[in-house]
Amino acid sequence: MDEKRNPNILIAEDVESNFLYLKAVLSKLNANVFWAKNGIEVLDICEKEKLMDLVLMDLQMPEMNGYEATQILKRKYPALPVIAQTAFAMSDDREKALDAGCDDYLAKPIKSKDLLNITEKYLKL
């Protein structure tokens, strides 16, 4: 990431209240936050905003889920960190997310400290 600009973070989340919470937490990083409500929007936004630094990927979304969107994103942008976030924290969900290409995993409800720690780790802040 270029040191001179604020990070661009895409939040893929179909529930507005969840998006607003994540955006509020990420405001501490002075990040430019983008919102996608499904996997198709994720791909569109990443295509338009060439300089995306991180994606927080909800795995359960309408139209195209986070697993499918991650696989496509990773083929196109292999260096782009994708962090899975899901309320369906079954024992194999983490493995499925990592198999789909996610770099890391957060289970909902997401604690602000965990979100900031994982974001800073991948943005190298």
Protein backbone atom coordinates (compact mmCIF):
# COMPACT_ATOMS: atom_id res chain seq x y z
CA MET A 1 0.00 0.00 0.00
CA ASP A 2 1.22 3.51 -0.86
CA GLU A 3 2.20 5.35 2.34
CA LYS A 4 0.71 8.65 1.14
CA ARG A 5 -2.93 7.61 0.92
CA ASN A 6 -5.54 6.23 3.25
CA PRO A 7 -6.37 2.55 2.82
CA ASN A 8 -9.29 1.52 0.61
CA ILE A 9 -11.38 -1.13 2.33
CA LEU A 10 -14.35 -2.86 0.74
CA ILE A 11 -16.99 -4.22 3.11
CA ALA A 12 -19.10 -6.93 1.50
CA GLU A 13 -22.17 -7.12 3.73
CA ASP A 14 -25.87 -7.39 2.86
CA VAL A 15 -27.12 -6.20 6.28
CA GLU A 16 -26.90 -2.42 6.63
CA SER A 17 -26.54 -2.39 10.43
CA ASN A 18 -23.54 -4.76 10.19
CA PHE A 19 -21.98 -2.56 7.50
CA LEU A 20 -22.46 0.59 9.60
CA TYR A 21 -20.84 -1.07 12.62
CA LEU A 22 -17.80 -2.22 10.61
CA LYS A 23 -17.50 1.19 8.94
CA ALA A 24 -17.59 2.94 12.34
CA VAL A 25 -14.82 0.71 13.69
CA LEU A 26 -12.70 1.20 10.56
CA SER A 27 -13.07 4.99 10.82
CA LYS A 28 -10.24 4.77 13.38
CA LEU A 29 -7.92 3.87 10.47
CA ASN A 30 -8.98 6.85 8.31
CA ALA A 31 -9.89 4.31 5.66
CA ASN A 32 -11.92 4.97 2.53
CA VAL A 33 -14.76 2.49 2.99
CA PHE A 34 -16.73 1.02 0.11
CA TRP A 35 -19.92 -1.05 0.48
CA ALA A 36 -21.01 -4.02 -1.60
CA LYS A 37 -24.29 -5.79 -0.79
CA ASN A 38 -23.51 -8.96 -2.76
CA GLY A 39 -20.67 -10.74 -4.54
CA ILE A 40 -21.47 -9.18 -7.91
CA GLU A 41 -21.07 -5.68 -6.43
CA VAL A 42 -17.77 -6.77 -4.86
CA LEU A 43 -16.37 -7.66 -8.27
CA ASP A 44 -17.73 -4.45 -9.86
CA ILE A 45 -16.25 -2.20 -7.17
CA CYS A 46 -12.84 -3.92 -7.26
CA GLU A 47 -12.81 -3.51 -11.04
CA LYS A 48 -13.64 0.22 -10.85
CA GLU A 49 -11.50 1.10 -7.82
CA LYS A 50 -8.20 -0.36 -8.98
CA LEU A 51 -6.51 0.39 -5.64
CA MET A 52 -8.45 -1.75 -3.16
CA ASP A 53 -6.28 -2.69 -0.16
CA LEU A 54 -8.52 -5.10 1.74
CA VAL A 55 -11.90 -6.83 1.45
CA LEU A 56 -14.04 -7.85 4.42
CA MET A 57 -16.15 -10.58 2.82
CA ASP A 58 -19.48 -11.68 4.23
CA LEU A 59 -19.86 -15.31 3.17
CA GLN A 60 -23.68 -15.41 3.11
CA MET A 61 -24.95 -12.83 0.62
CA PRO A 62 -27.68 -12.80 -2.04
CA GLU A 63 -27.03 -13.17 -5.79
CA MET A 64 -23.40 -14.30 -5.39
CA ASN A 65 -22.05 -15.51 -2.06
CA GLY A 66 -18.71 -14.62 -0.52
CA TYR A 67 -17.07 -17.96 -1.35
CA GLU A 68 -17.70 -17.54 -5.07
CA ALA A 69 -16.77 -13.82 -5.08
CA THR A 70 -13.52 -14.60 -3.23
CA GLN A 71 -12.52 -17.28 -5.74
CA ILE A 72 -13.02 -14.86 -8.65
CA LEU A 73 -11.28 -11.98 -6.83
CA LYS A 74 -8.26 -14.10 -5.94
CA ARG A 75 -7.83 -15.25 -9.55
CA LYS A 76 -7.82 -11.63 -10.68
CA TYR A 77 -6.04 -9.99 -7.71
CA PRO A 78 -4.04 -12.71 -5.91
CA ALA A 79 -2.30 -10.22 -3.60
CA LEU A 80 -5.54 -8.58 -2.38
CA PRO A 81 -6.22 -9.64 1.24
CA VAL A 82 -9.73 -11.03 1.73
CA ILE A 83 -10.98 -11.51 5.30
CA ALA A 84 -14.05 -13.72 5.67
CA GLN A 85 -16.73 -12.57 8.10
CA THR A 86 -19.72 -14.73 8.88
CA ALA A 87 -22.35 -15.37 11.50
CA PHE A 88 -22.44 -19.02 10.49
CA ALA A 89 -19.44 -20.02 12.56
CA MET A 90 -19.60 -23.76 12.14
CA SER A 91 -16.43 -25.74 12.66
CA ASP A 92 -15.84 -26.20 8.94
CA ASP A 93 -16.71 -22.61 7.93
CA ARG A 94 -13.20 -21.34 8.62
CA GLU A 95 -11.74 -24.15 6.52
CA LYS A 96 -14.24 -23.53 3.69
CA ALA A 97 -13.43 -19.80 3.72
CA LEU A 98 -9.69 -20.44 3.60
CA ASP A 99 -10.18 -23.05 0.85
CA ALA A 100 -12.10 -20.44 -1.18
CA GLY A 101 -9.06 -18.17 -0.97
CA CYS A 102 -9.77 -16.01 2.07
CA ASP A 103 -6.62 -14.93 3.88
CA ASP A 104 -8.22 -14.88 7.32
CA TYR A 105 -11.53 -15.25 9.15
CA LEU A 106 -13.67 -13.33 11.64
CA ALA A 107 -16.78 -14.82 13.26
CA LYS A 108 -19.74 -12.53 14.01
CA PRO A 109 -20.40 -10.79 16.25
CA ILE A 110 -17.07 -9.14 15.42
CA LYS A 111 -15.31 -7.39 18.29
CA SER A 112 -13.88 -4.00 17.31
CA LYS A 113 -10.44 -4.91 18.70
CA ASP A 114 -10.31 -8.10 16.61
CA LEU A 115 -11.36 -6.22 13.48
CA LEU A 116 -8.71 -3.53 13.97
CA ASN A 117 -5.99 -6.07 14.77
CA ILE A 118 -6.66 -8.19 11.69
CA THR A 119 -7.06 -5.14 9.43
CA GLU A 120 -3.81 -3.59 10.64
CA LYS A 121 -2.04 -6.92 10.18
CA TYR A 122 -2.97 -7.11 6.48
CA LEU A 123 -2.61 -3.39 5.75
CA LYS A 124 0.71 -3.40 7.63
CA LEU A 125 -0.22 -0.24 9.55
